[in-house]
C-alpha atoms as a PDB file:
ATOM      1  CA  UNK A   1     -61.237 -58.772  22.304  1.00  0.00           C
ATOM      2  CA  UNK A   2     -60.844 -55.264  20.954  1.00  0.00           C
ATOM      3  CA  UNK A   3     -59.259 -54.464  17.593  1.00  0.00           C
ATOM      4  CA  UNK A   4     -56.396 -52.625  19.262  1.00  0.00           C
ATOM      5  CA  UNK A   5     -54.874 -52.237  22.698  1.00  0.00           C
ATOM      6  CA  UNK A   6     -56.623 -50.190  25.368  1.00  0.00           C
ATOM      7  CA  UNK A   7     -53.908 -47.574  25.894  1.00  0.00           C
ATOM      8  CA  UNK A   8     -53.869 -45.655  29.174  1.00  0.00           C
ATOM      9  CA  UNK A   9     -50.675 -43.642  28.818  1.00  0.00           C
ATOM     10  CA  UNK A  10     -47.781 -42.734  26.525  1.00  0.00           C
ATOM     11  CA  UNK A  11     -44.509 -41.638  28.053  1.00  0.00           C
ATOM     12  CA  UNK A  12     -41.481 -40.109  26.295  1.00  0.00           C
ATOM     13  CA  UNK A  13     -38.213 -39.237  28.014  1.00  0.00           C
ATOM     14  CA  UNK A  14     -34.940 -37.687  26.797  1.00  0.00           C
ATOM     15  CA  UNK A  15     -31.653 -38.039  28.656  1.00  0.00           C
ATOM     16  CA  UNK A  16     -28.632 -35.859  27.802  1.00  0.00           C
ATOM     17  CA  UNK A  17     -25.174 -36.605  29.159  1.00  0.00           C
ATOM     18  CA  UNK A  18     -23.003 -33.471  29.288  1.00  0.00           C
ATOM     19  CA  UNK A  19     -20.242 -34.926  31.490  1.00  0.00           C
ATOM     20  CA  UNK A  20     -19.134 -38.216  32.960  1.00  0.00           C
ATOM     21  CA  UNK A  21     -16.814 -38.294  35.940  1.00  0.00           C
ATOM     22  CA  UNK A  22     -14.494 -35.286  35.722  1.00  0.00           C
ATOM     23  CA  UNK A  23     -14.605 -34.938  31.930  1.00  0.00           C
ATOM     24  CA  UNK A  24     -17.110 -32.784  30.012  1.00  0.00           C
ATOM     25  CA  UNK A  25     -18.326 -33.391  26.479  1.00  0.00           C
ATOM     26  CA  UNK A  26     -18.448 -30.705  23.789  1.00  0.00           C
ATOM     27  CA  UNK A  27     -21.679 -32.200  22.430  1.00  0.00           C
ATOM     28  CA  UNK A  28     -23.990 -34.073  24.802  1.00  0.00           C
ATOM     29  CA  UNK A  29     -24.881 -37.683  24.116  1.00  0.00           C
ATOM     30  CA  UNK A  30     -28.596 -38.340  23.985  1.00  0.00           C
ATOM     31  CA  UNK A  31     -30.787 -41.310  24.786  1.00  0.00           C
ATOM     32  CA  UNK A  32     -34.537 -41.269  24.240  1.00  0.00           C
ATOM     33  CA  UNK A  33     -37.200 -43.750  25.229  1.00  0.00           C
ATOM     34  CA  UNK A  34     -40.882 -43.997  24.467  1.00  0.00           C
ATOM     35  CA  UNK A  35     -43.220 -46.221  26.462  1.00  0.00           C
ATOM     36  CA  UNK A  36     -46.849 -47.209  26.190  1.00  0.00           C
ATOM     37  CA  UNK A  37     -49.044 -48.500  29.011  1.00  0.00           C
ATOM     38  CA  UNK A  38     -51.948 -50.682  27.952  1.00  0.00           C
ATOM     39  CA  UNK A  39     -54.435 -53.186  29.348  1.00  0.00           C
ATOM     40  CA  UNK A  40     -53.202 -56.777  29.299  1.00  0.00           C
ATOM     41  CA  UNK A  41     -55.908 -58.872  27.593  1.00  0.00           C
ATOM     42  CA  UNK A  42     -54.650 -62.077  29.242  1.00  0.00           C
ATOM     43  CA  UNK A  43     -54.768 -61.222  32.967  1.00  0.00           C
ATOM     44  CA  UNK A  44     -55.675 -64.021  35.377  1.00  0.00           C
ATOM     45  CA  UNK A  45     -55.785 -66.710  32.686  1.00  0.00           C
ATOM     46  CA  UNK A  46     -53.394 -68.955  30.800  1.00  0.00           C
ATOM     47  CA  UNK A  47     -53.611 -68.647  27.013  1.00  0.00           C
ATOM     48  CA  UNK A  48     -51.599 -70.724  24.528  1.00  0.00           C
ATOM     49  CA  UNK A  49     -52.178 -68.335  21.628  1.00  0.00           C
ATOM     50  CA  UNK A  50     -50.594 -64.925  22.252  1.00  0.00           C
ATOM     51  CA  UNK A  51     -50.935 -63.786  18.623  1.00  0.00           C
ATOM     52  CA  UNK A  52     -52.978 -60.761  19.694  1.00  0.00           C
ATOM     53  CA  UNK A  53     -49.973 -59.348  21.571  1.00  0.00           C
ATOM     54  CA  UNK A  54     -47.688 -60.045  18.584  1.00  0.00           C
ATOM     55  CA  UNK A  55     -50.062 -58.100  16.343  1.00  0.00           C
ATOM     56  CA  UNK A  56     -50.349 -55.176  18.735  1.00  0.00           C
ATOM     57  CA  UNK A  57     -46.572 -54.964  19.067  1.00  0.00           C
ATOM     58  CA  UNK A  58     -46.205 -54.114  15.372  1.00  0.00           C
ATOM     59  CA  UNK A  59     -48.286 -50.936  15.529  1.00  0.00           C
ATOM     60  CA  UNK A  60     -47.131 -50.027  19.039  1.00  0.00           C
ATOM     61  CA  UNK A  61     -43.489 -50.593  18.071  1.00  0.00           C
ATOM     62  CA  UNK A  62     -43.769 -48.332  15.058  1.00  0.00           C
ATOM     63  CA  UNK A  63     -45.411 -45.564  17.085  1.00  0.00           C
ATOM     64  CA  UNK A  64     -42.942 -45.838  19.978  1.00  0.00           C
ATOM     65  CA  UNK A  65     -39.897 -45.859  17.710  1.00  0.00           C
ATOM     66  CA  UNK A  66     -41.109 -42.789  15.834  1.00  0.00           C
ATOM     67  CA  UNK A  67     -41.728 -40.952  19.120  1.00  0.00           C
ATOM     68  CA  UNK A  68     -38.316 -41.911  20.520  1.00  0.00           C
ATOM     69  CA  UNK A  69     -36.483 -40.848  17.347  1.00  0.00           C
ATOM     70  CA  UNK A  70     -38.380 -37.548  17.312  1.00  0.00           C
ATOM     71  CA  UNK A  71     -37.432 -36.941  20.966  1.00  0.00           C
ATOM     72  CA  UNK A  72     -33.804 -37.732  20.131  1.00  0.00           C
ATOM     73  CA  UNK A  73     -33.919 -34.971  17.530  1.00  0.00           C
ATOM     74  CA  UNK A  74     -32.135 -36.803  14.720  1.00  0.00           C
ATOM     75  CA  UNK A  75     -33.032 -38.331  11.389  1.00  0.00           C
ATOM     76  CA  UNK A  76     -33.785 -42.067  11.641  1.00  0.00           C
ATOM     77  CA  UNK A  77     -30.514 -42.994   9.885  1.00  0.00           C
ATOM     78  CA  UNK A  78     -28.549 -41.128  12.597  1.00  0.00           C
ATOM     79  CA  UNK A  79     -29.787 -43.447  15.366  1.00  0.00           C
ATOM     80  CA  UNK A  80     -26.781 -45.470  16.516  1.00  0.00           C
ATOM     81  CA  UNK A  81     -28.110 -47.770  19.242  1.00  0.00           C
ATOM     82  CA  UNK A  82     -31.401 -49.371  20.064  1.00  0.00           C
ATOM     83  CA  UNK A  83     -33.078 -51.567  22.644  1.00  0.00           C
ATOM     84  CA  UNK A  84     -36.489 -52.682  23.896  1.00  0.00           C
ATOM     85  CA  UNK A  85     -38.086 -53.771  27.155  1.00  0.00           C
ATOM     86  CA  UNK A  86     -41.397 -54.696  28.722  1.00  0.00           C
ATOM     87  CA  UNK A  87     -42.872 -54.874  32.201  1.00  0.00           C
ATOM     88  CA  UNK A  88     -45.961 -56.919  33.037  1.00  0.00           C
ATOM     89  CA  UNK A  89     -48.204 -56.245  36.010  1.00  0.00           C
ATOM     90  CA  UNK A  90     -48.686 -58.894  38.696  1.00  0.00           C
ATOM     91  CA  UNK A  91     -51.844 -60.403  37.183  1.00  0.00           C
ATOM     92  CA  UNK A  92     -50.006 -61.210  33.948  1.00  0.00           C
ATOM     93  CA  UNK A  93     -47.123 -63.479  32.950  1.00  0.00           C
ATOM     94  CA  UNK A  94     -43.548 -62.914  31.880  1.00  0.00           C
ATOM     95  CA  UNK A  95     -44.471 -64.597  28.592  1.00  0.00           C
ATOM     96  CA  UNK A  96     -46.767 -61.656  27.846  1.00  0.00           C
ATOM     97  CA  UNK A  97     -43.648 -59.457  27.808  1.00  0.00           C
ATOM     98  CA  UNK A  98     -41.952 -61.896  25.436  1.00  0.00           C
ATOM     99  CA  UNK A  99     -44.993 -61.794  23.147  1.00  0.00           C
ATOM    100  CA  UNK A 100     -44.843 -58.012  22.712  1.00  0.00           C
ATOM    101  CA  UNK A 101     -41.045 -57.927  22.396  1.00  0.00           C
ATOM    102  CA  UNK A 102     -39.942 -60.748  20.139  1.00  0.00           C
ATOM    103  CA  UNK A 103     -41.988 -62.141  17.288  1.00  0.00           C
ATOM    104  CA  UNK A 104     -42.932 -58.926  15.473  1.00  0.00           C
ATOM    105  CA  UNK A 105     -41.482 -55.791  17.124  1.00  0.00           C
ATOM    106  CA  UNK A 106     -38.128 -55.953  15.330  1.00  0.00           C
ATOM    107  CA  UNK A 107     -39.322 -55.022  11.846  1.00  0.00           C
ATOM    108  CA  UNK A 108     -41.158 -51.787  12.726  1.00  0.00           C
ATOM    109  CA  UNK A 109     -38.314 -50.759  15.025  1.00  0.00           C
ATOM    110  CA  UNK A 110     -35.651 -51.296  12.355  1.00  0.00           C
ATOM    111  CA  UNK A 111     -37.832 -49.689   9.662  1.00  0.00           C
ATOM    112  CA  UNK A 112     -37.984 -46.510  11.744  1.00  0.00           C
ATOM    113  CA  UNK A 113     -34.277 -46.210  12.591  1.00  0.00           C
ATOM    114  CA  UNK A 114     -32.871 -46.559   9.088  1.00  0.00           C
ATOM    115  CA  UNK A 115     -32.273 -50.308   9.312  1.00  0.00           C
ATOM    116  CA  UNK A 116     -30.187 -52.302  11.713  1.00  0.00           C
ATOM    117  CA  UNK A 117     -28.571 -55.689  11.228  1.00  0.00           C
ATOM    118  CA  UNK A 118     -27.834 -56.400  14.864  1.00  0.00           C
ATOM    119  CA  UNK A 119     -30.180 -58.195  17.219  1.00  0.00           C
ATOM    120  CA  UNK A 120     -32.245 -55.755  19.266  1.00  0.00           C
ATOM    121  CA  UNK A 121     -31.327 -56.367  22.915  1.00  0.00           C
ATOM    122  CA  UNK A 122     -34.230 -56.717  25.316  1.00  0.00           C
ATOM    123  CA  UNK A 123     -35.238 -57.007  28.949  1.00  0.00           C
ATOM    124  CA  UNK A 124     -38.455 -58.123  30.586  1.00  0.00           C
ATOM    125  CA  UNK A 125     -39.762 -58.311  34.116  1.00  0.00           C
ATOM    126  CA  UNK A 126     -42.808 -58.522  36.325  1.00  0.00           C
ATOM    127  CA  UNK A 127     -43.314 -55.195  38.061  1.00  0.00           C
ATOM    128  CA  UNK A 128     -45.543 -52.772  39.892  1.00  0.00           C
ATOM    129  CA  UNK A 129     -46.326 -49.041  39.553  1.00  0.00           C
ATOM    130  CA  UNK A 130     -43.034 -47.165  39.521  1.00  0.00           C
ATOM    131  CA  UNK A 131     -40.850 -50.212  38.841  1.00  0.00           C
ATOM    132  CA  UNK A 132     -37.762 -49.328  36.807  1.00  0.00           C
ATOM    133  CA  UNK A 133     -36.357 -51.360  33.954  1.00  0.00           C
ATOM    134  CA  UNK A 134     -32.921 -51.022  32.382  1.00  0.00           C
ATOM    135  CA  UNK A 135     -33.370 -51.127  28.613  1.00  0.00           C
ATOM    136  CA  UNK A 136     -30.205 -52.732  27.168  1.00  0.00           C
ATOM    137  CA  UNK A 137     -28.628 -50.909  24.229  1.00  0.00           C
ATOM    138  CA  UNK A 138     -26.053 -51.672  21.593  1.00  0.00           C
ATOM    139  CA  UNK A 139     -24.993 -50.507  18.154  1.00  0.00           C
ATOM    140  CA  UNK A 140     -27.696 -51.208  15.584  1.00  0.00           C
ATOM    141  CA  UNK A 141     -25.493 -52.721  12.880  1.00  0.00           C
ATOM    142  CA  UNK A 142     -23.016 -54.843  14.862  1.00  0.00           C
ATOM    143  CA  UNK A 143     -23.580 -56.288  18.312  1.00  0.00           C
ATOM    144  CA  UNK A 144     -19.854 -56.461  19.119  1.00  0.00           C
ATOM    145  CA  UNK A 145     -19.195 -52.702  19.104  1.00  0.00           C
ATOM    146  CA  UNK A 146     -18.196 -52.278  22.772  1.00  0.00           C
ATOM    147  CA  UNK A 147     -18.428 -48.484  22.747  1.00  0.00           C
ATOM    148  CA  UNK A 148     -22.207 -48.842  22.566  1.00  0.00           C
ATOM    149  CA  UNK A 149     -22.743 -51.505  25.276  1.00  0.00           C
ATOM    150  CA  UNK A 150     -25.044 -49.513  27.526  1.00  0.00           C
ATOM    151  CA  UNK A 151     -28.525 -49.249  29.022  1.00  0.00           C
ATOM    152  CA  UNK A 152     -31.175 -46.634  29.767  1.00  0.00           C
ATOM    153  CA  UNK A 153     -33.286 -46.779  32.895  1.00  0.00           C
ATOM    154  CA  UNK A 154     -36.986 -46.159  32.305  1.00  0.00           C
ATOM    155  CA  UNK A 155     -39.572 -45.813  35.043  1.00  0.00           C
ATOM    156  CA  UNK A 156     -43.222 -44.778  34.857  1.00  0.00           C
ATOM    157  CA  UNK A 157     -44.521 -43.455  38.183  1.00  0.00           C
ATOM    158  CA  UNK A 158     -47.920 -45.155  37.958  1.00  0.00           C
ATOM    159  CA  UNK A 159     -47.365 -48.197  35.747  1.00  0.00           C
ATOM    160  CA  UNK A 160     -47.749 -51.034  35.323  1.00  0.00           C
ATOM    161  CA  UNK A 161     -50.884 -51.580  37.306  1.00  0.00           C
ATOM    162  CA  UNK A 162     -51.701 -55.218  38.052  1.00  0.00           C
ATOM    163  CA  UNK A 163     -53.663 -55.666  34.809  1.00  0.00           C
ATOM    164  CA  UNK A 164     -51.316 -53.747  32.474  1.00  0.00           C
ATOM    165  CA  UNK A 165     -48.300 -54.126  30.238  1.00  0.00           C
ATOM    166  CA  UNK A 166     -45.611 -51.504  29.591  1.00  0.00           C
ATOM    167  CA  UNK A 167     -43.694 -51.646  26.301  1.00  0.00           C
ATOM    168  CA  UNK A 168     -40.542 -49.514  25.881  1.00  0.00           C
ATOM    169  CA  UNK A 169     -38.334 -48.657  22.890  1.00  0.00           C
ATOM    170  CA  UNK A 170     -35.059 -46.778  23.432  1.00  0.00           C
ATOM    171  CA  UNK A 171     -32.650 -45.195  20.926  1.00  0.00           C
ATOM    172  CA  UNK A 172     -29.413 -43.202  21.140  1.00  0.00           C
ATOM    173  CA  UNK A 173     -27.300 -40.898  19.013  1.00  0.00           C
ATOM    174  CA  UNK A 174     -24.012 -42.375  20.252  1.00  0.00           C
ATOM    175  CA  UNK A 175     -22.265 -44.779  22.597  1.00  0.00           C
ATOM    176  CA  UNK A 176     -21.013 -44.194  26.128  1.00  0.00           C
ATOM    177  CA  UNK A 177     -19.584 -40.716  26.868  1.00  0.00           C
ATOM    178  CA  UNK A 178     -15.855 -41.617  26.949  1.00  0.00           C
ATOM    179  CA  UNK A 179     -15.390 -45.238  25.818  1.00  0.00           C
ATOM    180  CA  UNK A 180     -11.919 -46.676  26.162  1.00  0.00           C
ATOM    181  CA  UNK A 181     -12.107 -50.470  26.524  1.00  0.00           C
ATOM    182  CA  UNK A 182     -11.057 -51.304  22.970  1.00  0.00           C
ATOM    183  CA  UNK A 183     -12.714 -53.748  20.647  1.00  0.00           C
ATOM    184  CA  UNK A 184     -14.494 -53.324  17.343  1.00  0.00           C
ATOM    185  CA  UNK A 185     -15.107 -49.698  16.344  1.00  0.00           C
ATOM    186  CA  UNK A 186     -17.937 -48.311  14.225  1.00  0.00           C
ATOM    187  CA  UNK A 187     -15.450 -47.596  11.422  1.00  0.00           C
ATOM    188  CA  UNK A 188     -14.452 -51.280  11.367  1.00  0.00           C
ATOM    189  CA  UNK A 189     -17.996 -52.671  11.152  1.00  0.00           C
ATOM    190  CA  UNK A 190     -18.596 -54.835   8.070  1.00  0.00           C
ATOM    191  CA  UNK A 191     -22.357 -55.003   8.625  1.00  0.00           C
ATOM    192  CA  UNK A 192     -22.721 -58.471   7.141  1.00  0.00           C
ATOM    193  CA  UNK A 193     -23.974 -60.634  10.005  1.00  0.00           C
ATOM    194  CA  UNK A 194     -25.173 -58.237  12.703  1.00  0.00           C
ATOM    195  CA  UNK A 195     -22.216 -59.206  14.891  1.00  0.00           C
ATOM    196  CA  UNK A 196     -19.154 -57.546  13.377  1.00  0.00           C
END
């Protein structure tokens, strides 16, 4: 196995919301995502030890988070929401997505967005070139802040191929455009347990 992943493509996308429904915003809300497409080292075989994917996710997660924050155009501390996702090609397993998302991706992501006490929401799926995934998002310091319950759709036109994995990190500079369903507000967050 190689020392690092065999990367085929990096993809960065910025979404700006200037209006929602009939109401316009004075300042657009922004979401940014960065994705990497790389060769899955475990295609067509079952492997108990997925440590290689854990290890790769640390460096890939740091790079993706930095690229997403840069695309967002804010300082890392100004990131409000985050999320992550992965798509595996048809010759891989859903567990390969879990291996790049869960054991070690959290630390580099949080380190590059000025912290974050809340769990990083995630999504995973088996897909094909052009398959979309909705990256779940919520406020980085308290999962129960309803204004930031959201998602960002990410789609790469030519990935994943059957023997590839796609890893995605998404960040935002705010919640939904015009939230009005109540609940915990950012000003009320205690930041003690990642929930409230």
